[in-house]
Full PDB file with SEQRES, HELIX, SHEET, SSBOND, CRYST1, ORIGX, SCALE, CONECT and MASTER records, all heavy atoms in Angstrom:
SEQRES   1 A   40  GLU ILE LEU LEU ALA LEU GLU GLN GLN ASN GLU ASN SER          
SEQRES   2 A   40  SER ARG GLY ILE SER HIS ILE GLU GLY ARG ASP ASP SER          
SEQRES   3 A   40  ASN VAL ALA TYR HIS ILE ARG ILE MET ILE GLU ALA GLY          
SEQRES   4 A   40  LEU                                                          
HELIX    1 AA1 ILE A    2  GLN A    8  1                                   7    
HELIX    2 AA2 ASP A   25  ALA A   38  1                                  14    
CRYST1    1.000    1.000    1.000  90.00  90.00  90.00 P 1           1          
ORIGX1      1.000000  0.000000  0.000000        0.00000                         
ORIGX2      0.000000  1.000000  0.000000        0.00000                         
ORIGX3      0.000000  0.000000  1.000000        0.00000                         
SCALE1      1.000000  0.000000  0.000000        0.00000                         
SCALE2      0.000000  1.000000  0.000000        0.00000                         
SCALE3      0.000000  0.000000  1.000000        0.00000                         
ATOM      1  N   GLU A   1       1.446 -18.338 -32.906  1.00  0.00           N  
ATOM      2  CA  GLU A   1       2.626 -19.180 -32.706  1.00  0.00           C  
ATOM      3  C   GLU A   1       2.242 -20.603 -32.284  1.00  0.00           C  
ATOM      4  O   GLU A   1       2.866 -21.571 -32.725  1.00  0.00           O  
ATOM      5  CB  GLU A   1       3.556 -18.551 -31.665  1.00  0.00           C  
ATOM      6  CG  GLU A   1       4.252 -17.310 -32.170  1.00  0.00           C  
ATOM      7  CD  GLU A   1       4.977 -16.538 -31.078  1.00  0.00           C  
ATOM      8  OE1 GLU A   1       5.250 -17.122 -30.005  1.00  0.00           O  
ATOM      9  OE2 GLU A   1       5.261 -15.350 -31.299  1.00  0.00           O  
ATOM     10  N   ILE A   2       1.235 -20.745 -31.449  1.00  0.00           N  
ATOM     11  CA  ILE A   2       0.778 -22.073 -31.037  1.00  0.00           C  
ATOM     12  C   ILE A   2       0.216 -22.828 -32.228  1.00  0.00           C  
ATOM     13  O   ILE A   2       0.518 -24.013 -32.437  1.00  0.00           O  
ATOM     14  CB  ILE A   2      -0.248 -21.976 -29.887  1.00  0.00           C  
ATOM     15  CG1 ILE A   2       0.430 -21.489 -28.604  1.00  0.00           C  
ATOM     16  CG2 ILE A   2      -0.941 -23.329 -29.648  1.00  0.00           C  
ATOM     17  CD1 ILE A   2      -0.520 -21.100 -27.484  1.00  0.00           C  
ATOM     18  N   LEU A   3      -0.587 -22.153 -33.040  1.00  0.00           N  
ATOM     19  CA  LEU A   3      -1.148 -22.808 -34.228  1.00  0.00           C  
ATOM     20  C   LEU A   3      -0.040 -23.231 -35.190  1.00  0.00           C  
ATOM     21  O   LEU A   3      -0.073 -24.344 -35.728  1.00  0.00           O  
ATOM     22  CB  LEU A   3      -2.153 -21.882 -34.925  1.00  0.00           C  
ATOM     23  CG  LEU A   3      -3.449 -21.611 -34.170  1.00  0.00           C  
ATOM     24  CD1 LEU A   3      -4.273 -20.546 -34.897  1.00  0.00           C  
ATOM     25  CD2 LEU A   3      -4.262 -22.883 -33.969  1.00  0.00           C  
ATOM     26  N   LEU A   4       0.932 -22.369 -35.414  1.00  0.00           N  
ATOM     27  CA  LEU A   4       2.046 -22.708 -36.301  1.00  0.00           C  
ATOM     28  C   LEU A   4       2.851 -23.894 -35.751  1.00  0.00           C  
ATOM     29  O   LEU A   4       3.248 -24.785 -36.503  1.00  0.00           O  
ATOM     30  CB  LEU A   4       2.957 -21.498 -36.507  1.00  0.00           C  
ATOM     31  CG  LEU A   4       2.397 -20.380 -37.390  1.00  0.00           C  
ATOM     32  CD1 LEU A   4       3.241 -19.114 -37.270  1.00  0.00           C  
ATOM     33  CD2 LEU A   4       2.283 -20.829 -38.836  1.00  0.00           C  
ATOM     34  N   ALA A   5       3.078 -23.905 -34.445  1.00  0.00           N  
ATOM     35  CA  ALA A   5       3.827 -25.006 -33.831  1.00  0.00           C  
ATOM     36  C   ALA A   5       3.069 -26.328 -33.956  1.00  0.00           C  
ATOM     37  O   ALA A   5       3.663 -27.374 -34.232  1.00  0.00           O  
ATOM     38  CB  ALA A   5       4.120 -24.689 -32.362  1.00  0.00           C  
ATOM     39  N   LEU A   6       1.760 -26.281 -33.755  1.00  0.00           N  
ATOM     40  CA  LEU A   6       0.959 -27.498 -33.898  1.00  0.00           C  
ATOM     41  C   LEU A   6       1.002 -28.016 -35.332  1.00  0.00           C  
ATOM     42  O   LEU A   6       1.088 -29.220 -35.562  1.00  0.00           O  
ATOM     43  CB  LEU A   6      -0.496 -27.244 -33.493  1.00  0.00           C  
ATOM     44  CG  LEU A   6      -0.795 -27.299 -32.016  1.00  0.00           C  
ATOM     45  CD1 LEU A   6      -2.227 -26.838 -31.758  1.00  0.00           C  
ATOM     46  CD2 LEU A   6      -0.570 -28.692 -31.464  1.00  0.00           C  
ATOM     47  N   GLU A   7       0.952 -27.116 -36.283  1.00  0.00           N  
ATOM     48  CA  GLU A   7       0.984 -27.519 -37.678  1.00  0.00           C  
ATOM     49  C   GLU A   7       2.317 -28.186 -38.022  1.00  0.00           C  
ATOM     50  O   GLU A   7       2.358 -29.137 -38.801  1.00  0.00           O  
ATOM     51  CB  GLU A   7       0.763 -26.307 -38.575  1.00  0.00           C  
ATOM     52  CG  GLU A   7       0.759 -26.656 -40.046  1.00  0.00           C  
ATOM     53  CD  GLU A   7       0.551 -25.451 -40.921  1.00  0.00           C  
ATOM     54  OE1 GLU A   7       1.382 -24.520 -40.869  1.00  0.00           O  
ATOM     55  OE2 GLU A   7      -0.461 -25.441 -41.641  1.00  0.00           O  
ATOM     56  N   GLN A   8       3.387 -27.710 -37.436  1.00  0.00           N  
ATOM     57  CA  GLN A   8       4.714 -28.218 -37.751  1.00  0.00           C  
ATOM     58  C   GLN A   8       5.033 -29.544 -37.056  1.00  0.00           C  
ATOM     59  O   GLN A   8       5.911 -30.266 -37.499  1.00  0.00           O  
ATOM     60  CB  GLN A   8       5.777 -27.188 -37.387  1.00  0.00           C  
ATOM     61  CG  GLN A   8       5.735 -25.986 -38.290  1.00  0.00           C  
ATOM     62  CD  GLN A   8       6.703 -24.897 -37.842  1.00  0.00           C  
ATOM     63  OE1 GLN A   8       7.388 -25.025 -36.840  1.00  0.00           O  
ATOM     64  NE2 GLN A   8       6.728 -23.801 -38.589  1.00  0.00           N  
ATOM     65  N   GLN A   9       4.323 -29.838 -35.980  1.00  0.00           N  
ATOM     66  CA  GLN A   9       4.648 -31.075 -35.261  1.00  0.00           C  
ATOM     67  C   GLN A   9       4.241 -32.286 -36.091  1.00  0.00           C  
ATOM     68  O   GLN A   9       3.334 -32.218 -36.900  1.00  0.00           O  
ATOM     69  CB  GLN A   9       3.993 -31.084 -33.887  1.00  0.00           C  
ATOM     70  CG  GLN A   9       2.712 -31.823 -33.762  1.00  0.00           C  
ATOM     71  CD  GLN A   9       2.226 -31.903 -32.327  1.00  0.00           C  
ATOM     72  OE1 GLN A   9       2.903 -31.544 -31.400  1.00  0.00           O  
ATOM     73  NE2 GLN A   9       1.032 -32.375 -32.181  1.00  0.00           N  
ATOM     74  N   ASN A  10       4.922 -33.347 -35.881  1.00  0.00           N  
ATOM     75  CA  ASN A  10       4.647 -34.602 -36.574  1.00  0.00           C  
ATOM     76  C   ASN A  10       3.208 -35.040 -36.276  1.00  0.00           C  
ATOM     77  O   ASN A  10       2.805 -35.106 -35.123  1.00  0.00           O  
ATOM     78  CB  ASN A  10       5.643 -35.662 -36.099  1.00  0.00           C  
ATOM     79  CG  ASN A  10       5.462 -36.984 -36.774  1.00  0.00           C  
ATOM     80  OD1 ASN A  10       4.430 -37.275 -37.364  1.00  0.00           O  
ATOM     81  ND2 ASN A  10       6.486 -37.807 -36.684  1.00  0.00           N  
ATOM     82  N   GLU A  11       2.440 -35.334 -37.315  1.00  0.00           N  
ATOM     83  CA  GLU A  11       1.036 -35.721 -37.131  1.00  0.00           C  
ATOM     84  C   GLU A  11       0.881 -36.958 -36.257  1.00  0.00           C  
ATOM     85  O   GLU A  11      -0.157 -37.159 -35.649  1.00  0.00           O  
ATOM     86  CB  GLU A  11       0.377 -35.958 -38.486  1.00  0.00           C  
ATOM     87  CG  GLU A  11       0.161 -34.685 -39.269  1.00  0.00           C  
ATOM     88  CD  GLU A  11      -0.525 -34.940 -40.592  1.00  0.00           C  
ATOM     89  OE1 GLU A  11      -1.034 -36.051 -40.813  1.00  0.00           O  
ATOM     90  OE2 GLU A  11      -0.561 -34.014 -41.397  1.00  0.00           O  
ATOM     91  N   ASN A  12       1.889 -37.810 -36.200  1.00  0.00           N  
ATOM     92  CA  ASN A  12       1.812 -39.012 -35.392  1.00  0.00           C  
ATOM     93  C   ASN A  12       2.284 -38.802 -33.958  1.00  0.00           C  
ATOM     94  O   ASN A  12       2.278 -39.724 -33.161  1.00  0.00           O  
ATOM     95  CB  ASN A  12       2.640 -40.136 -36.043  1.00  0.00           C  
ATOM     96  CG  ASN A  12       2.104 -40.495 -37.404  1.00  0.00           C  
ATOM     97  OD1 ASN A  12       0.898 -40.501 -37.616  1.00  0.00           O  
ATOM     98  ND2 ASN A  12       2.992 -40.786 -38.337  1.00  0.00           N  
ATOM     99  N   SER A  13       2.688 -37.584 -33.637  1.00  0.00           N  
ATOM    100  CA  SER A  13       3.189 -37.285 -32.300  1.00  0.00           C  
ATOM    101  C   SER A  13       2.029 -37.106 -31.340  1.00  0.00           C  
ATOM    102  O   SER A  13       1.070 -36.396 -31.628  1.00  0.00           O  
ATOM    103  CB  SER A  13       4.028 -36.007 -32.331  1.00  0.00           C  
ATOM    104  OG  SER A  13       4.381 -35.632 -31.024  1.00  0.00           O  
ATOM    105  N   SER A  14       2.111 -37.745 -30.211  1.00  0.00           N  
ATOM    106  CA  SER A  14       1.097 -37.551 -29.179  1.00  0.00           C  
ATOM    107  C   SER A  14       1.630 -36.624 -28.083  1.00  0.00           C  
ATOM    108  O   SER A  14       0.971 -36.411 -27.089  1.00  0.00           O  
ATOM    109  CB  SER A  14       0.700 -38.902 -28.573  1.00  0.00           C  
ATOM    110  OG  SER A  14       1.836 -39.513 -27.987  1.00  0.00           O  
ATOM    111  N   ARG A  15       2.836 -36.102 -28.302  1.00  0.00           N  
ATOM    112  CA  ARG A  15       3.495 -35.254 -27.314  1.00  0.00           C  
ATOM    113  C   ARG A  15       2.787 -33.920 -27.141  1.00  0.00           C  
ATOM    114  O   ARG A  15       2.633 -33.418 -26.047  1.00  0.00           O  
ATOM    115  CB  ARG A  15       4.941 -35.059 -27.729  1.00  0.00           C  
ATOM    116  CG  ARG A  15       5.825 -34.622 -26.605  1.00  0.00           C  
ATOM    117  CD  ARG A  15       7.259 -34.518 -27.045  1.00  0.00           C  
ATOM    118  NE  ARG A  15       7.362 -33.424 -27.993  1.00  0.00           N  
ATOM    119  CZ  ARG A  15       8.204 -33.394 -29.007  1.00  0.00           C  
ATOM    120  NH1 ARG A  15       9.012 -34.385 -29.229  1.00  0.00           N  
ATOM    121  NH2 ARG A  15       8.241 -32.361 -29.816  1.00  0.00           N  
ATOM    122  N   GLY A  16       2.383 -33.310 -28.223  1.00  0.00           N  
ATOM    123  CA  GLY A  16       1.708 -32.026 -28.155  1.00  0.00           C  
ATOM    124  C   GLY A  16       2.658 -30.864 -27.941  1.00  0.00           C  
ATOM    125  O   GLY A  16       3.881 -31.018 -27.927  1.00  0.00           O  
ATOM    126  N   ILE A  17       2.080 -29.683 -27.762  1.00  0.00           N  
ATOM    127  CA  ILE A  17       2.829 -28.440 -27.586  1.00  0.00           C  
ATOM    128  C   ILE A  17       2.468 -27.863 -26.218  1.00  0.00           C  
ATOM    129  O   ILE A  17       1.294 -27.658 -25.910  1.00  0.00           O  
ATOM    130  CB  ILE A  17       2.444 -27.409 -28.680  1.00  0.00           C  
ATOM    131  CG1 ILE A  17       2.667 -27.955 -30.080  1.00  0.00           C  
ATOM    132  CG2 ILE A  17       3.164 -26.080 -28.457  1.00  0.00           C  
ATOM    133  CD1 ILE A  17       4.092 -28.237 -30.448  1.00  0.00           C  
ATOM    134  N   SER A  18       3.477 -27.597 -25.411  1.00  0.00           N  
ATOM    135  CA  SER A  18       3.239 -26.946 -24.119  1.00  0.00           C  
ATOM    136  C   SER A  18       4.218 -25.799 -23.887  1.00  0.00           C  
ATOM    137  O   SER A  18       4.110 -25.088 -22.898  1.00  0.00           O  
ATOM    138  CB  SER A  18       3.349 -27.959 -22.975  1.00  0.00           C  
ATOM    139  OG  SER A  18       4.637 -28.541 -22.958  1.00  0.00           O  
ATOM    140  N   HIS A  19       5.164 -25.637 -24.795  1.00  0.00           N  
ATOM    141  CA  HIS A  19       6.190 -24.604 -24.653  1.00  0.00           C  
ATOM    142  C   HIS A  19       6.421 -23.953 -26.013  1.00  0.00           C  
ATOM    143  O   HIS A  19       6.477 -24.632 -27.031  1.00  0.00           O  
ATOM    144  CB  HIS A  19       7.495 -25.248 -24.150  1.00  0.00           C  
ATOM    145  CG  HIS A  19       8.639 -24.293 -24.083  1.00  0.00           C  
ATOM    146  ND1 HIS A  19       8.774 -23.381 -23.065  1.00  0.00           N  
ATOM    147  CD2 HIS A  19       9.691 -24.105 -24.904  1.00  0.00           C  
ATOM    148  CE1 HIS A  19       9.881 -22.661 -23.277  1.00  0.00           C  
ATOM    149  NE2 HIS A  19      10.452 -23.084 -24.385  1.00  0.00           N  
ATOM    150  N   ILE A  20       6.546 -22.649 -26.006  1.00  0.00           N  
ATOM    151  CA  ILE A  20       6.915 -21.880 -27.190  1.00  0.00           C  
ATOM    152  C   ILE A  20       8.177 -21.103 -26.825  1.00  0.00           C  
ATOM    153  O   ILE A  20       8.198 -20.368 -25.831  1.00  0.00           O  
ATOM    154  CB  ILE A  20       5.787 -20.897 -27.608  1.00  0.00           C  
ATOM    155  CG1 ILE A  20       4.486 -21.632 -27.930  1.00  0.00           C  
ATOM    156  CG2 ILE A  20       6.235 -20.024 -28.773  1.00  0.00           C  
ATOM    157  CD1 ILE A  20       4.513 -22.493 -29.168  1.00  0.00           C  
ATOM    158  N   GLU A  21       9.207 -21.295 -27.620  1.00  0.00           N  
ATOM    159  CA  GLU A  21      10.491 -20.640 -27.359  1.00  0.00           C  
ATOM    160  C   GLU A  21      10.300 -19.132 -27.215  1.00  0.00           C  
ATOM    161  O   GLU A  21       9.639 -18.492 -28.038  1.00  0.00           O  
ATOM    162  CB  GLU A  21      11.463 -20.937 -28.505  1.00  0.00           C  
ATOM    163  CG  GLU A  21      12.888 -20.527 -28.225  1.00  0.00           C  
ATOM    164  CD  GLU A  21      13.521 -21.335 -27.114  1.00  0.00           C  
ATOM    165  OE1 GLU A  21      13.251 -22.547 -27.013  1.00  0.00           O  
ATOM    166  OE2 GLU A  21      14.290 -20.733 -26.341  1.00  0.00           O  
ATOM    167  N   GLY A  22      10.858 -18.574 -26.139  1.00  0.00           N  
ATOM    168  CA  GLY A  22      10.786 -17.137 -25.904  1.00  0.00           C  
ATOM    169  C   GLY A  22       9.517 -16.672 -25.221  1.00  0.00           C  
ATOM    170  O   GLY A  22       9.339 -15.476 -24.997  1.00  0.00           O  
ATOM    171  N   ARG A  23       8.628 -17.606 -24.894  1.00  0.00           N  
ATOM    172  CA  ARG A  23       7.358 -17.261 -24.232  1.00  0.00           C  
ATOM    173  C   ARG A  23       7.299 -17.899 -22.849  1.00  0.00           C  
ATOM    174  O   ARG A  23       7.776 -19.013 -22.648  1.00  0.00           O  
ATOM    175  CB  ARG A  23       6.155 -17.749 -25.049  1.00  0.00           C  
ATOM    176  CG  ARG A  23       6.047 -17.164 -26.435  1.00  0.00           C  
ATOM    177  CD  ARG A  23       5.627 -15.717 -26.381  1.00  0.00           C  
ATOM    178  NE  ARG A  23       5.439 -15.180 -27.728  1.00  0.00           N  
ATOM    179  CZ  ARG A  23       5.058 -13.954 -27.956  1.00  0.00           C  
ATOM    180  NH1 ARG A  23       4.824 -13.118 -26.977  1.00  0.00           N  
ATOM    181  NH2 ARG A  23       4.921 -13.538 -29.195  1.00  0.00           N  
ATOM    182  N   ASP A  24       6.686 -17.206 -21.913  1.00  0.00           N  
ATOM    183  CA  ASP A  24       6.488 -17.726 -20.566  1.00  0.00           C  
ATOM    184  C   ASP A  24       5.514 -18.910 -20.609  1.00  0.00           C  
ATOM    185  O   ASP A  24       4.448 -18.810 -21.237  1.00  0.00           O  
ATOM    186  CB  ASP A  24       5.933 -16.600 -19.679  1.00  0.00           C  
ATOM    187  CG  ASP A  24       5.632 -17.061 -18.283  1.00  0.00           C  
ATOM    188  OD1 ASP A  24       6.587 -17.327 -17.531  1.00  0.00           O  
ATOM    189  OD2 ASP A  24       4.432 -17.180 -17.953  1.00  0.00           O  
ATOM    190  N   ASP A  25       5.870 -20.021 -19.959  1.00  0.00           N  
ATOM    191  CA  ASP A  25       5.037 -21.223 -20.015  1.00  0.00           C  
ATOM    192  C   ASP A  25       3.640 -21.008 -19.447  1.00  0.00           C  
ATOM    193  O   ASP A  25       2.675 -21.580 -19.946  1.00  0.00           O  
ATOM    194  CB  ASP A  25       5.720 -22.395 -19.304  1.00  0.00           C  
ATOM    195  CG  ASP A  25       6.883 -22.963 -20.099  1.00  0.00           C  
ATOM    196  OD1 ASP A  25       6.987 -22.683 -21.316  1.00  0.00           O  
ATOM    197  OD2 ASP A  25       7.699 -23.701 -19.506  1.00  0.00           O  
ATOM    198  N   SER A  26       3.505 -20.172 -18.417  1.00  0.00           N  
ATOM    199  CA  SER A  26       2.166 -19.926 -17.867  1.00  0.00           C  
ATOM    200  C   SER A  26       1.312 -19.138 -18.856  1.00  0.00           C  
ATOM    201  O   SER A  26       0.101 -19.351 -18.950  1.00  0.00           O  
ATOM    202  CB  SER A  26       2.240 -19.205 -16.520  1.00  0.00           C  
ATOM    203  OG  SER A  26       2.795 -17.912 -16.661  1.00  0.00           O  
ATOM    204  N   ASN A  27       1.933 -18.254 -19.627  1.00  0.00           N  
ATOM    205  CA  ASN A  27       1.214 -17.507 -20.655  1.00  0.00           C  
ATOM    206  C   ASN A  27       0.789 -18.441 -21.788  1.00  0.00           C  
ATOM    207  O   ASN A  27      -0.331 -18.353 -22.297  1.00  0.00           O  
ATOM    208  CB  ASN A  27       2.090 -16.368 -21.181  1.00  0.00           C  
ATOM    209  CG  ASN A  27       1.330 -15.394 -22.036  1.00  0.00           C  
ATOM    210  OD1 ASN A  27       0.114 -15.268 -21.959  1.00  0.00           O  
ATOM    211  ND2 ASN A  27       2.061 -14.681 -22.877  1.00  0.00           N  
ATOM    212  N   VAL A  28       1.672 -19.357 -22.168  1.00  0.00           N  
ATOM    213  CA  VAL A  28       1.335 -20.341 -23.207  1.00  0.00           C  
ATOM    214  C   VAL A  28       0.187 -21.222 -22.719  1.00  0.00           C  
ATOM    215  O   VAL A  28      -0.766 -21.481 -23.455  1.00  0.00           O  
ATOM    216  CB  VAL A  28       2.569 -21.183 -23.598  1.00  0.00           C  
ATOM    217  CG1 VAL A  28       2.182 -22.330 -24.527  1.00  0.00           C  
ATOM    218  CG2 VAL A  28       3.627 -20.296 -24.254  1.00  0.00           C  
ATOM    219  N   ALA A  29       0.249 -21.668 -21.464  1.00  0.00           N  
ATOM    220  CA  ALA A  29      -0.820 -22.505 -20.901  1.00  0.00           C  
ATOM    221  C   ALA A  29      -2.157 -21.765 -20.917  1.00  0.00           C  
ATOM    222  O   ALA A  29      -3.196 -22.346 -21.263  1.00  0.00           O  
ATOM    223  CB  ALA A  29      -0.467 -22.935 -19.478  1.00  0.00           C  
ATOM    224  N   TYR A  30      -2.135 -20.493 -20.557  1.00  0.00           N  
ATOM    225  CA  TYR A  30      -3.357 -19.684 -20.585  1.00  0.00           C  
ATOM    226  C   TYR A  30      -3.939 -19.636 -21.997  1.00  0.00           C  
ATOM    227  O   TYR A  30      -5.147 -19.830 -22.190  1.00  0.00           O  
ATOM    228  CB  TYR A  30      -3.057 -18.266 -20.087  1.00  0.00           C  
ATOM    229  CG  TYR A  30      -4.208 -17.314 -20.280  1.00  0.00           C  
ATOM    230  CD1 TYR A  30      -5.295 -17.344 -19.411  1.00  0.00           C  
ATOM    231  CD2 TYR A  30      -4.228 -16.410 -21.326  1.00  0.00           C  
ATOM    232  CE1 TYR A  30      -6.369 -16.480 -19.584  1.00  0.00           C  
ATOM    233  CE2 TYR A  30      -5.288 -15.541 -21.509  1.00  0.00           C  
ATOM    234  CZ  TYR A  30      -6.358 -15.580 -20.636  1.00  0.00           C  
ATOM    235  OH  TYR A  30      -7.424 -14.725 -20.818  1.00  0.00           O  
ATOM    236  N   HIS A  31      -3.092 -19.406 -22.977  1.00  0.00           N  
ATOM    237  CA  HIS A  31      -3.564 -19.315 -24.354  1.00  0.00           C  
ATOM    238  C   HIS A  31      -4.053 -20.664 -24.877  1.00  0.00           C  
ATOM    239  O   HIS A  31      -5.029 -20.723 -25.622  1.00  0.00           O  
ATOM    240  CB  HIS A  31      -2.488 -18.702 -25.247  1.00  0.00           C  
ATOM    241  CG  HIS A  31      -2.420 -17.226 -25.095  1.00  0.00           C  
ATOM    242  ND1 HIS A  31      -1.737 -16.626 -24.054  1.00  0.00           N  
ATOM    243  CD2 HIS A  31      -2.977 -16.224 -25.804  1.00  0.00           C  
ATOM    244  CE1 HIS A  31      -1.881 -15.315 -24.149  1.00  0.00           C  
ATOM    245  NE2 HIS A  31      -2.630 -15.043 -25.208  1.00  0.00           N  
ATOM    246  N   ILE A  32      -3.404 -21.738 -24.490  1.00  0.00           N  
ATOM    247  CA  ILE A  32      -3.893 -23.059 -24.876  1.00  0.00           C  
ATOM    248  C   ILE A  32      -5.291 -23.267 -24.315  1.00  0.00           C  
ATOM    249  O   ILE A  32      -6.190 -23.741 -25.013  1.00  0.00           O  
ATOM    250  CB  ILE A  32      -2.917 -24.166 -24.420  1.00  0.00           C  
ATOM    251  CG1 ILE A  32      -1.637 -24.101 -25.258  1.00  0.00           C  
ATOM    252  CG2 ILE A  32      -3.571 -25.549 -24.504  1.00  0.00           C  
ATOM    253  CD1 ILE A  32      -0.517 -25.007 -24.769  1.00  0.00           C  
ATOM    254  N   ARG A  33      -5.502 -22.893 -23.052  1.00  0.00           N  
ATOM    255  CA  ARG A  33      -6.830 -23.036 -22.435  1.00  0.00           C  
ATOM    256  C   ARG A  33      -7.900 -22.266 -23.221  1.00  0.00           C  
ATOM    257  O   ARG A  33      -8.936 -22.815 -23.557  1.00  0.00           O  
ATOM    258  CB  ARG A  33      -6.822 -22.557 -20.994  1.00  0.00           C  
ATOM    259  CG  ARG A  33      -8.215 -22.627 -20.336  1.00  0.00           C  
ATOM    260  CD  ARG A  33      -8.248 -21.972 -18.971  1.00  0.00           C  
ATOM    261  NE  ARG A  33      -7.359 -22.631 -18.039  1.00  0.00           N  
ATOM    262  CZ  ARG A  33      -7.767 -23.461 -17.085  1.00  0.00           C  
ATOM    263  NH1 ARG A  33      -9.031 -23.734 -16.920  1.00  0.00           N  
ATOM    264  NH2 ARG A  33      -6.884 -24.008 -16.272  1.00  0.00           N  
ATOM    265  N   ILE A  34      -7.624 -21.003 -23.525  1.00  0.00           N  
ATOM    266  CA  ILE A  34      -8.665 -20.225 -24.203  1.00  0.00           C  
ATOM    267  C   ILE A  34      -8.843 -20.661 -25.656  1.00  0.00           C  
ATOM    268  O   ILE A  34      -9.935 -20.537 -26.212  1.00  0.00           O  
ATOM    269  CB  ILE A  34      -8.459 -18.696 -24.058  1.00  0.00           C  
ATOM    270  CG1 ILE A  34      -7.191 -18.206 -24.739  1.00  0.00           C  
ATOM    271  CG2 ILE A  34      -8.503 -18.291 -22.594  1.00  0.00           C  
ATOM    272  CD1 ILE A  34      -7.017 -16.680 -24.742  1.00  0.00           C  
ATOM    273  N   MET A  35      -7.792 -21.195 -26.265  1.00  0.00           N  
ATOM    274  CA  MET A  35      -7.922 -21.707 -27.630  1.00  0.00           C  
ATOM    275  C   MET A  35      -8.749 -22.992 -27.658  1.00  0.00           C  
ATOM    276  O   MET A  35      -9.498 -23.226 -28.610  1.00  0.00           O  
ATOM    277  CB  MET A  35      -6.536 -21.924 -28.241  1.00  0.00           C  
ATOM    278  CG  MET A  35      -5.803 -20.616 -28.520  1.00  0.00           C  
ATOM    279  SD  MET A  35      -4.070 -20.855 -28.961  1.00  0.00           S  
ATOM    280  CE  MET A  35      -4.258 -21.544 -30.615  1.00  0.00           C  
ATOM    281  N   ILE A  36      -8.629 -23.808 -26.617  1.00  0.00           N  
ATOM    282  CA  ILE A  36      -9.498 -24.989 -26.494  1.00  0.00           C  
ATOM    283  C   ILE A  36     -10.939 -24.529 -26.343  1.00  0.00           C  
ATOM    284  O   ILE A  36     -11.841 -25.034 -27.015  1.00  0.00           O  
ATOM    285  CB  ILE A  36      -9.060 -25.868 -25.299  1.00  0.00           C  
ATOM    286  CG1 ILE A  36      -7.709 -26.522 -25.570  1.00  0.00           C  
ATOM    287  CG2 ILE A  36     -10.126 -26.925 -24.992  1.00  0.00           C  
ATOM    288  CD1 ILE A  36      -7.075 -27.179 -24.336  1.00  0.00           C  
ATOM    289  N   GLU A  37     -11.161 -23.546 -25.465  1.00  0.00           N  
ATOM    290  CA  GLU A  37     -12.514 -23.017 -25.243  1.00  0.00           C  
ATOM    291  C   GLU A  37     -13.117 -22.448 -26.523  1.00  0.00           C  
ATOM    292  O   GLU A  37     -14.315 -22.560 -26.757  1.00  0.00           O  
ATOM    293  CB  GLU A  37     -12.488 -21.940 -24.155  1.00  0.00           C  
ATOM    294  CG  GLU A  37     -12.151 -22.466 -22.779  1.00  0.00           C  
ATOM    295  CD  GLU A  37     -11.860 -21.375 -21.759  1.00  0.00           C  
ATOM    296  OE1 GLU A  37     -11.764 -20.182 -22.127  1.00  0.00           O  
ATOM    297  OE2 GLU A  37     -11.714 -21.727 -20.578  1.00  0.00           O  
ATOM    298  N   ALA A  38     -12.267 -21.839 -27.374  1.00  0.00           N  
ATOM    299  CA  ALA A  38     -12.737 -21.232 -28.625  1.00  0.00           C  
ATOM    300  C   ALA A  38     -12.930 -22.255 -29.736  1.00  0.00           C  
ATOM    301  O   ALA A  38     -13.451 -21.925 -30.802  1.00  0.00           O  
ATOM    302  CB  ALA A  38     -11.765 -20.151 -29.087  1.00  0.00           C  
ATOM    303  N   GLY A  39     -12.494 -23.487 -29.501  1.00  0.00           N  
ATOM    304  CA  GLY A  39     -12.656 -24.530 -30.514  1.00  0.00           C  
ATOM    305  C   GLY A  39     -11.578 -24.517 -31.590  1.00  0.00           C  
ATOM    306  O   GLY A  39     -11.735 -25.157 -32.623  1.00  0.00           O  
ATOM    307  N   LEU A  40     -10.461 -23.814 -31.352  1.00  0.00           N  
ATOM    308  CA  LEU A  40      -9.376 -23.772 -32.330  1.00  0.00           C  
ATOM    309  C   LEU A  40      -8.486 -25.007 -32.243  1.00  0.00           C  
ATOM    310  O   LEU A  40      -7.908 -25.425 -33.244  1.00  0.00           O  
ATOM    311  CB  LEU A  40      -8.518 -22.526 -32.128  1.00  0.00           C  
ATOM    312  CG  LEU A  40      -9.198 -21.184 -32.378  1.00  0.00           C  
ATOM    313  CD1 LEU A  40      -8.283 -20.043 -31.981  1.00  0.00           C  
ATOM    314  CD2 LEU A  40      -9.611 -21.066 -33.838  1.00  0.00           C  
TER     315      LEU A  40                                                      
MASTER        0    0    0    2    0    0    0    6  314    1    0    4          
END                                                                             
């Protein structure tokens, strides 16, 4: 879901993704952290 959301965001947007509808923000933050660590 994070990858799909990033793909859909405007390429010129510097806002980024920190929230996924229907998901707990702390869980999304955790996944963003490990996805950065994995190089995704």
